[in-house]
Protein backbone atom coordinates (compact mmCIF):
# COMPACT_ATOMS: atom_id res chain seq x y z
CA UNK A 1 0.00 0.00 0.00
CA UNK A 2 1.09 3.53 -0.60
CA UNK A 3 1.31 5.96 2.29
CA UNK A 4 -0.52 9.27 2.36
CA UNK A 5 1.76 12.25 1.74
CA UNK A 6 2.74 14.16 4.85
CA UNK A 7 1.61 17.81 4.50
CA UNK A 8 4.35 19.02 6.88
CA UNK A 9 7.17 17.66 4.71
CA UNK A 10 7.98 20.09 1.93
CA UNK A 11 10.40 19.85 -0.89
CA UNK A 12 13.17 22.40 -1.17
CA UNK A 13 11.67 23.74 -4.39
CA UNK A 14 8.32 24.45 -2.73
CA UNK A 15 9.37 26.33 0.40
CA UNK A 16 13.09 26.94 0.06
CA UNK A 17 13.25 30.05 -2.03
CA UNK A 18 16.37 32.19 -2.07
CA UNK A 19 14.30 35.21 -1.00
CA UNK A 20 13.24 33.36 2.16
CA UNK A 21 16.91 32.56 2.78
CA UNK A 22 17.83 36.23 2.43
CA UNK A 23 15.11 37.15 4.91
CA UNK A 24 16.36 34.57 7.41
CA UNK A 25 19.96 35.78 7.06
CA UNK A 26 18.90 39.41 7.50
CA UNK A 27 17.10 38.55 10.72
CA UNK A 28 20.13 36.54 11.83
CA UNK A 29 22.40 39.55 11.28
CA UNK A 30 20.10 41.57 13.53
CA UNK A 31 19.81 38.77 16.08
CA UNK A 32 16.01 38.90 16.17
CA UNK A 33 13.99 35.81 15.36
CA UNK A 34 11.01 33.97 16.80
CA UNK A 35 11.66 30.34 17.64
CA UNK A 36 8.69 29.20 15.56
CA UNK A 37 9.98 31.02 12.46
CA UNK A 38 13.45 29.62 13.08
CA UNK A 39 12.04 26.09 13.17
CA UNK A 40 10.15 26.70 9.91
CA UNK A 41 13.36 27.92 8.29
CA UNK A 42 15.22 24.81 9.41
CA UNK A 43 12.61 22.67 7.69
CA UNK A 44 12.24 24.67 4.48
CA UNK A 45 15.48 26.42 3.54
CA UNK A 46 18.25 24.71 1.61
CA UNK A 47 21.67 24.99 3.33
CA UNK A 48 23.44 26.18 0.17
CA UNK A 49 20.96 29.05 -0.09
CA UNK A 50 21.86 30.10 3.46
CA UNK A 51 25.58 30.09 2.64
CA UNK A 52 25.06 32.14 -0.53
CA UNK A 53 22.70 34.56 1.23
CA UNK A 54 25.17 34.97 4.12
CA UNK A 55 28.05 35.74 1.77
CA UNK A 56 25.90 38.18 -0.20
CA UNK A 57 24.74 39.90 3.00
CA UNK A 58 28.32 40.14 4.25
CA UNK A 59 29.48 41.67 0.97
CA UNK A 60 26.63 44.20 1.05
CA UNK A 61 27.57 45.28 4.58
CA UNK A 62 31.26 45.63 3.70
CA UNK A 63 30.55 47.58 0.49
CA UNK A 64 28.10 49.88 2.29
CA UNK A 65 30.63 50.56 5.07
CA UNK A 66 33.38 51.31 2.56
CA UNK A 67 31.03 53.64 0.68
CA UNK A 68 30.05 55.37 3.93
CA UNK A 69 33.70 55.91 4.91
CA UNK A 70 34.51 57.17 1.41
CA UNK A 71 31.58 59.59 1.57
CA UNK A 72 32.56 60.90 5.04
CA UNK A 73 36.21 61.38 4.09
PDB file of N, CA and C in Angstrom:
ATOM      1  N   UNK A   1       0.818  -1.190   0.000  1.00  0.00           N
ATOM      2  CA  UNK A   1       0.000   0.000   0.000  1.00  0.00           C
ATOM      3  C   UNK A   1       0.862   1.253   0.000  1.00  0.00           C
ATOM      4  N   UNK A   2       0.368   2.273  -0.602  1.00  0.00           N
ATOM      5  CA  UNK A   2       1.093   3.534  -0.600  1.00  0.00           C
ATOM      6  C   UNK A   2       0.649   4.367   0.597  1.00  0.00           C
ATOM      7  N   UNK A   3       1.601   5.121   1.128  1.00  0.00           N
ATOM      8  CA  UNK A   3       1.312   5.961   2.288  1.00  0.00           C
ATOM      9  C   UNK A   3       0.797   7.309   1.825  1.00  0.00           C
ATOM     10  N   UNK A   4      -0.016   7.932   2.666  1.00  0.00           N
ATOM     11  CA  UNK A   4      -0.522   9.268   2.359  1.00  0.00           C
ATOM     12  C   UNK A   4       0.619  10.268   2.508  1.00  0.00           C
ATOM     13  N   UNK A   5       0.681  11.261   1.636  1.00  0.00           N
ATOM     14  CA  UNK A   5       1.761  12.249   1.744  1.00  0.00           C
ATOM     15  C   UNK A   5       1.608  13.069   3.021  1.00  0.00           C
ATOM     16  N   UNK A   6       2.721  13.364   3.636  1.00  0.00           N
ATOM     17  CA  UNK A   6       2.738  14.163   4.851  1.00  0.00           C
ATOM     18  C   UNK A   6       2.708  15.637   4.470  1.00  0.00           C
ATOM     19  N   UNK A   7       1.691  16.399   4.901  1.00  0.00           N
ATOM     20  CA  UNK A   7       1.609  17.806   4.505  1.00  0.00           C
ATOM     21  C   UNK A   7       2.689  18.672   5.137  1.00  0.00           C
ATOM     22  N   UNK A   8       3.317  18.212   6.233  1.00  0.00           N
ATOM     23  CA  UNK A   8       4.346  19.016   6.878  1.00  0.00           C
ATOM     24  C   UNK A   8       5.688  18.914   6.174  1.00  0.00           C
ATOM     25  N   UNK A   9       5.905  17.835   5.421  1.00  0.00           N
ATOM     26  CA  UNK A   9       7.168  17.659   4.709  1.00  0.00           C
ATOM     27  C   UNK A   9       7.072  18.378   3.379  1.00  0.00           C
ATOM     28  N   UNK A  10       7.989  19.303   3.172  1.00  0.00           N
ATOM     29  CA  UNK A  10       7.978  20.091   1.934  1.00  0.00           C
ATOM     30  C   UNK A  10       9.278  19.870   1.189  1.00  0.00           C
ATOM     31  N   UNK A  11       9.182  19.955  -0.098  1.00  0.00           N
ATOM     32  CA  UNK A  11      10.399  19.851  -0.894  1.00  0.00           C
ATOM     33  C   UNK A  11      11.123  21.184  -0.876  1.00  0.00           C
ATOM     34  N   UNK A  12      12.402  21.165  -1.197  1.00  0.00           N
ATOM     35  CA  UNK A  12      13.172  22.400  -1.174  1.00  0.00           C
ATOM     36  C   UNK A  12      12.706  23.366  -2.256  1.00  0.00           C
ATOM     37  N   UNK A  13      12.145  22.860  -3.331  1.00  0.00           N
ATOM     38  CA  UNK A  13      11.669  23.743  -4.394  1.00  0.00           C
ATOM     39  C   UNK A  13      10.394  24.472  -3.975  1.00  0.00           C
ATOM     40  N   UNK A  14       9.590  23.843  -3.111  1.00  0.00           N
ATOM     41  CA  UNK A  14       8.320  24.448  -2.728  1.00  0.00           C
ATOM     42  C   UNK A  14       8.512  25.572  -1.717  1.00  0.00           C
ATOM     43  N   UNK A  15       9.282  25.338  -0.663  1.00  0.00           N
ATOM     44  CA  UNK A  15       9.366  26.329   0.399  1.00  0.00           C
ATOM     45  C   UNK A  15      10.739  26.922   0.578  1.00  0.00           C
ATOM     46  N   UNK A  16      11.720  26.501  -0.163  1.00  0.00           N
ATOM     47  CA  UNK A  16      13.086  26.940   0.059  1.00  0.00           C
ATOM     48  C   UNK A  16      13.562  27.970  -0.924  1.00  0.00           C
ATOM     49  N   UNK A  17      12.851  29.041  -1.059  1.00  0.00           N
ATOM     50  CA  UNK A  17      13.251  30.050  -2.027  1.00  0.00           C
ATOM     51  C   UNK A  17      14.456  30.832  -1.518  1.00  0.00           C
ATOM     52  N   UNK A  18      15.194  31.402  -2.435  1.00  0.00           N
ATOM     53  CA  UNK A  18      16.368  32.193  -2.070  1.00  0.00           C
ATOM     54  C   UNK A  18      15.951  33.459  -1.343  1.00  0.00           C
ATOM     55  N   UNK A  19      14.788  34.013  -1.682  1.00  0.00           N
ATOM     56  CA  UNK A  19      14.300  35.207  -1.000  1.00  0.00           C
ATOM     57  C   UNK A  19      14.032  34.913   0.476  1.00  0.00           C
ATOM     58  N   UNK A  20      13.470  33.748   0.755  1.00  0.00           N
ATOM     59  CA  UNK A  20      13.235  33.364   2.161  1.00  0.00           C
ATOM     60  C   UNK A  20      14.569  33.203   2.882  1.00  0.00           C
ATOM     61  N   UNK A  21      15.585  32.701   2.187  1.00  0.00           N
ATOM     62  CA  UNK A  21      16.910  32.564   2.782  1.00  0.00           C
ATOM     63  C   UNK A  21      17.504  33.931   3.095  1.00  0.00           C
ATOM     64  N   UNK A  22      17.337  34.880   2.189  1.00  0.00           N
ATOM     65  CA  UNK A  22      17.835  36.231   2.432  1.00  0.00           C
ATOM     66  C   UNK A  22      17.146  36.855   3.640  1.00  0.00           C
ATOM     67  N   UNK A  23      15.848  36.629   3.770  1.00  0.00           N
ATOM     68  CA  UNK A  23      15.107  37.154   4.912  1.00  0.00           C
ATOM     69  C   UNK A  23      15.621  36.546   6.211  1.00  0.00           C
ATOM     70  N   UNK A  24      15.859  35.248   6.216  1.00  0.00           N
ATOM     71  CA  UNK A  24      16.359  34.571   7.410  1.00  0.00           C
ATOM     72  C   UNK A  24      17.750  35.072   7.786  1.00  0.00           C
ATOM     73  N   UNK A  25      18.605  35.289   6.792  1.00  0.00           N
ATOM     74  CA  UNK A  25      19.961  35.782   7.060  1.00  0.00           C
ATOM     75  C   UNK A  25      19.913  37.215   7.571  1.00  0.00           C
ATOM     76  N   UNK A  26      19.029  38.033   7.024  1.00  0.00           N
ATOM     77  CA  UNK A  26      18.902  39.414   7.499  1.00  0.00           C
ATOM     78  C   UNK A  26      18.471  39.445   8.965  1.00  0.00           C
ATOM     79  N   UNK A  27      17.512  38.624   9.325  1.00  0.00           N
ATOM     80  CA  UNK A  27      17.095  38.555  10.722  1.00  0.00           C
ATOM     81  C   UNK A  27      18.226  38.010  11.593  1.00  0.00           C
ATOM     82  N   UNK A  28      19.013  37.094  11.068  1.00  0.00           N
ATOM     83  CA  UNK A  28      20.129  36.543  11.834  1.00  0.00           C
ATOM     84  C   UNK A  28      21.204  37.605  12.070  1.00  0.00           C
ATOM     85  N   UNK A  29      21.442  38.462  11.094  1.00  0.00           N
ATOM     86  CA  UNK A  29      22.405  39.549  11.280  1.00  0.00           C
ATOM     87  C   UNK A  29      21.944  40.486  12.389  1.00  0.00           C
ATOM     88  N   UNK A  30      20.638  40.711  12.486  1.00  0.00           N
ATOM     89  CA  UNK A  30      20.100  41.569  13.534  1.00  0.00           C
ATOM     90  C   UNK A  30      19.993  40.852  14.878  1.00  0.00           C
ATOM     91  N   UNK A  31      19.921  39.544  14.852  1.00  0.00           N
ATOM     92  CA  UNK A  31      19.812  38.775  16.077  1.00  0.00           C
ATOM     93  C   UNK A  31      18.393  38.670  16.603  1.00  0.00           C
ATOM     94  N   UNK A  32      17.411  38.952  15.764  1.00  0.00           N
ATOM     95  CA  UNK A  32      16.009  38.903  16.167  1.00  0.00           C
ATOM     96  C   UNK A  32      15.293  37.833  15.363  1.00  0.00           C
ATOM     97  N   UNK A  33      14.715  36.870  16.064  1.00  0.00           N
ATOM     98  CA  UNK A  33      13.986  35.815  15.356  1.00  0.00           C
ATOM     99  C   UNK A  33      13.107  35.064  16.351  1.00  0.00           C
ATOM    100  N   UNK A  34      11.877  34.802  15.975  1.00  0.00           N
ATOM    101  CA  UNK A  34      11.005  33.974  16.802  1.00  0.00           C
ATOM    102  C   UNK A  34      11.426  32.520  16.644  1.00  0.00           C
ATOM    103  N   UNK A  35      11.279  31.752  17.698  1.00  0.00           N
ATOM    104  CA  UNK A  35      11.661  30.343  17.636  1.00  0.00           C
ATOM    105  C   UNK A  35      10.827  29.580  16.617  1.00  0.00           C
ATOM    106  N   UNK A  36       9.542  29.914  16.510  1.00  0.00           N
ATOM    107  CA  UNK A  36       8.686  29.201  15.555  1.00  0.00           C
ATOM    108  C   UNK A  36       9.123  29.469  14.112  1.00  0.00           C
ATOM    109  N   UNK A  37       9.501  30.692  13.811  1.00  0.00           N
ATOM    110  CA  UNK A  37       9.975  31.015  12.457  1.00  0.00           C
ATOM    111  C   UNK A  37      11.330  30.359  12.192  1.00  0.00           C
ATOM    112  N   UNK A  38      12.155  30.290  13.224  1.00  0.00           N
ATOM    113  CA  UNK A  38      13.451  29.625  13.082  1.00  0.00           C
ATOM    114  C   UNK A  38      13.259  28.144  12.754  1.00  0.00           C
ATOM    115  N   UNK A  39      12.311  27.501  13.432  1.00  0.00           N
ATOM    116  CA  UNK A  39      12.036  26.091  13.173  1.00  0.00           C
ATOM    117  C   UNK A  39      11.508  25.885  11.751  1.00  0.00           C
ATOM    118  N   UNK A  40      10.656  26.798  11.276  1.00  0.00           N
ATOM    119  CA  UNK A  40      10.148  26.702   9.907  1.00  0.00           C
ATOM    120  C   UNK A  40      11.296  26.838   8.906  1.00  0.00           C
ATOM    121  N   UNK A  41      12.218  27.746   9.181  1.00  0.00           N
ATOM    122  CA  UNK A  41      13.359  27.924   8.288  1.00  0.00           C
ATOM    123  C   UNK A  41      14.228  26.670   8.241  1.00  0.00           C
ATOM    124  N   UNK A  42      14.422  26.038   9.390  1.00  0.00           N
ATOM    125  CA  UNK A  42      15.222  24.811   9.412  1.00  0.00           C
ATOM    126  C   UNK A  42      14.613  23.731   8.536  1.00  0.00           C
ATOM    127  N   UNK A  43      13.291  23.682   8.470  1.00  0.00           N
ATOM    128  CA  UNK A  43      12.610  22.665   7.688  1.00  0.00           C
ATOM    129  C   UNK A  43      12.561  22.998   6.198  1.00  0.00           C
ATOM    130  N   UNK A  44      12.559  24.275   5.848  1.00  0.00           N
ATOM    131  CA  UNK A  44      12.244  24.669   4.481  1.00  0.00           C
ATOM    132  C   UNK A  44      13.412  25.201   3.665  1.00  0.00           C
ATOM    133  N   UNK A  45      14.424  25.738   4.292  1.00  0.00           N
ATOM    134  CA  UNK A  45      15.480  26.417   3.538  1.00  0.00           C
ATOM    135  C   UNK A  45      16.623  25.456   3.248  1.00  0.00           C
ATOM    136  N   UNK A  46      17.126  25.529   2.050  1.00  0.00           N
ATOM    137  CA  UNK A  46      18.248  24.706   1.607  1.00  0.00           C
ATOM    138  C   UNK A  46      19.545  25.301   2.168  1.00  0.00           C
ATOM    139  N   UNK A  47      20.442  24.481   2.722  1.00  0.00           N
ATOM    140  CA  UNK A  47      21.675  24.995   3.331  1.00  0.00           C
ATOM    141  C   UNK A  47      22.559  25.799   2.372  1.00  0.00           C
ATOM    142  N   UNK A  48      22.617  25.414   1.113  1.00  0.00           N
ATOM    143  CA  UNK A  48      23.438  26.179   0.167  1.00  0.00           C
ATOM    144  C   UNK A  48      22.874  27.579  -0.060  1.00  0.00           C
ATOM    145  N   UNK A  49      21.555  27.722   0.021  1.00  0.00           N
ATOM    146  CA  UNK A  49      20.956  29.046  -0.089  1.00  0.00           C
ATOM    147  C   UNK A  49      21.377  29.922   1.083  1.00  0.00           C
ATOM    148  N   UNK A  50      21.455  29.344   2.268  1.00  0.00           N
ATOM    149  CA  UNK A  50      21.865  30.098   3.457  1.00  0.00           C
ATOM    150  C   UNK A  50      23.309  30.575   3.310  1.00  0.00           C
ATOM    151  N   UNK A  51      24.175  29.710   2.820  1.00  0.00           N
ATOM    152  CA  UNK A  51      25.581  30.086   2.635  1.00  0.00           C
ATOM    153  C   UNK A  51      25.696  31.221   1.627  1.00  0.00           C
ATOM    154  N   UNK A  52      25.008  31.090   0.498  1.00  0.00           N
ATOM    155  CA  UNK A  52      25.063  32.136  -0.526  1.00  0.00           C
ATOM    156  C   UNK A  52      24.455  33.443  -0.010  1.00  0.00           C
ATOM    157  N   UNK A  53      23.345  33.354   0.704  1.00  0.00           N
ATOM    158  CA  UNK A  53      22.700  34.557   1.235  1.00  0.00           C
ATOM    159  C   UNK A  53      23.586  35.221   2.287  1.00  0.00           C
ATOM    160  N   UNK A  54      24.263  34.424   3.107  1.00  0.00           N
ATOM    161  CA  UNK A  54      25.167  34.971   4.117  1.00  0.00           C
ATOM    162  C   UNK A  54      26.347  35.693   3.492  1.00  0.00           C
ATOM    163  N   UNK A  55      26.931  35.090   2.458  1.00  0.00           N
ATOM    164  CA  UNK A  55      28.052  35.742   1.767  1.00  0.00           C
ATOM    165  C   UNK A  55      27.611  37.033   1.079  1.00  0.00           C
ATOM    166  N   UNK A  56      26.427  36.986   0.455  1.00  0.00           N
ATOM    167  CA  UNK A  56      25.904  38.182  -0.198  1.00  0.00           C
ATOM    168  C   UNK A  56      25.613  39.280   0.816  1.00  0.00           C
ATOM    169  N   UNK A  57      25.019  38.918   1.944  1.00  0.00           N
ATOM    170  CA  UNK A  57      24.744  39.895   2.996  1.00  0.00           C
ATOM    171  C   UNK A  57      26.020  40.502   3.554  1.00  0.00           C
ATOM    172  N   UNK A  58      27.032  39.659   3.764  1.00  0.00           N
ATOM    173  CA  UNK A  58      28.322  40.137   4.250  1.00  0.00           C
ATOM    174  C   UNK A  58      28.948  41.124   3.266  1.00  0.00           C
ATOM    175  N   UNK A  59      28.913  40.773   1.982  1.00  0.00           N
ATOM    176  CA  UNK A  59      29.478  41.675   0.971  1.00  0.00           C
ATOM    177  C   UNK A  59      28.725  43.003   0.919  1.00  0.00           C
ATOM    178  N   UNK A  60      27.412  42.956   1.050  1.00  0.00           N
ATOM    179  CA  UNK A  60      26.628  44.195   1.049  1.00  0.00           C
ATOM    180  C   UNK A  60      26.986  45.086   2.237  1.00  0.00           C
ATOM    181  N   UNK A  61      27.191  44.491   3.394  1.00  0.00           N
ATOM    182  CA  UNK A  61      27.566  45.276   4.575  1.00  0.00           C
ATOM    183  C   UNK A  61      28.943  45.890   4.384  1.00  0.00           C
ATOM    184  N   UNK A  62      29.894  45.121   3.897  1.00  0.00           N
ATOM    185  CA  UNK A  62      31.258  45.633   3.698  1.00  0.00           C
ATOM    186  C   UNK A  62      31.265  46.749   2.661  1.00  0.00           C
ATOM    187  N   UNK A  63      30.587  46.552   1.545  1.00  0.00           N
ATOM    188  CA  UNK A  63      30.548  47.579   0.492  1.00  0.00           C
ATOM    189  C   UNK A  63      29.867  48.846   1.006  1.00  0.00           C
ATOM    190  N   UNK A  64      28.787  48.696   1.766  1.00  0.00           N
ATOM    191  CA  UNK A  64      28.102  49.879   2.286  1.00  0.00           C
ATOM    192  C   UNK A  64      28.971  50.616   3.308  1.00  0.00           C
ATOM    193  N   UNK A  65      29.727  49.892   4.125  1.00  0.00           N
ATOM    194  CA  UNK A  65      30.632  50.560   5.074  1.00  0.00           C
ATOM    195  C   UNK A  65      31.769  51.275   4.361  1.00  0.00           C
ATOM    196  N   UNK A  66      32.318  50.657   3.338  1.00  0.00           N
ATOM    197  CA  UNK A  66      33.380  51.309   2.559  1.00  0.00           C
ATOM    198  C   UNK A  66      32.835  52.560   1.876  1.00  0.00           C
ATOM    199  N   UNK A  67      31.634  52.469   1.323  1.00  0.00           N
ATOM    200  CA  UNK A  67      31.025  53.641   0.676  1.00  0.00           C
ATOM    201  C   UNK A  67      30.748  54.742   1.693  1.00  0.00           C
ATOM    202  N   UNK A  68      30.319  54.390   2.905  1.00  0.00           N
ATOM    203  CA  UNK A  68      30.050  55.374   3.931  1.00  0.00           C
ATOM    204  C   UNK A  68      31.341  56.079   4.356  1.00  0.00           C
ATOM    205  N   UNK A  69      32.407  55.324   4.548  1.00  0.00           N
ATOM    206  CA  UNK A  69      33.699  55.910   4.912  1.00  0.00           C
ATOM    207  C   UNK A  69      34.209  56.801   3.796  1.00  0.00           C
ATOM    208  N   UNK A  70      34.072  56.358   2.566  1.00  0.00           N
ATOM    209  CA  UNK A  70      34.514  57.169   1.409  1.00  0.00           C
ATOM    210  C   UNK A  70      33.722  58.460   1.343  1.00  0.00           C
ATOM    211  N   UNK A  71      32.440  58.402   1.614  1.00  0.00           N
ATOM    212  CA  UNK A  71      31.578  59.594   1.572  1.00  0.00           C
ATOM    213  C   UNK A  71      31.930  60.565   2.697  1.00  0.00           C
ATOM    214  N   UNK A  72      32.228  60.042   3.897  1.00  0.00           N
ATOM    215  CA  UNK A  72      32.564  60.898   5.037  1.00  0.00           C
ATOM    216  C   UNK A  72      33.914  61.558   4.834  1.00  0.00           C
ATOM    217  N   UNK A  73      34.873  60.830   4.287  1.00  0.00           N
ATOM    218  CA  UNK A  73      36.215  61.379   4.087  1.00  0.00           C
ATOM    219  C   UNK A  73      36.160  62.269   2.867  1.00  0.00           C
TER     220      UNK A  73
END
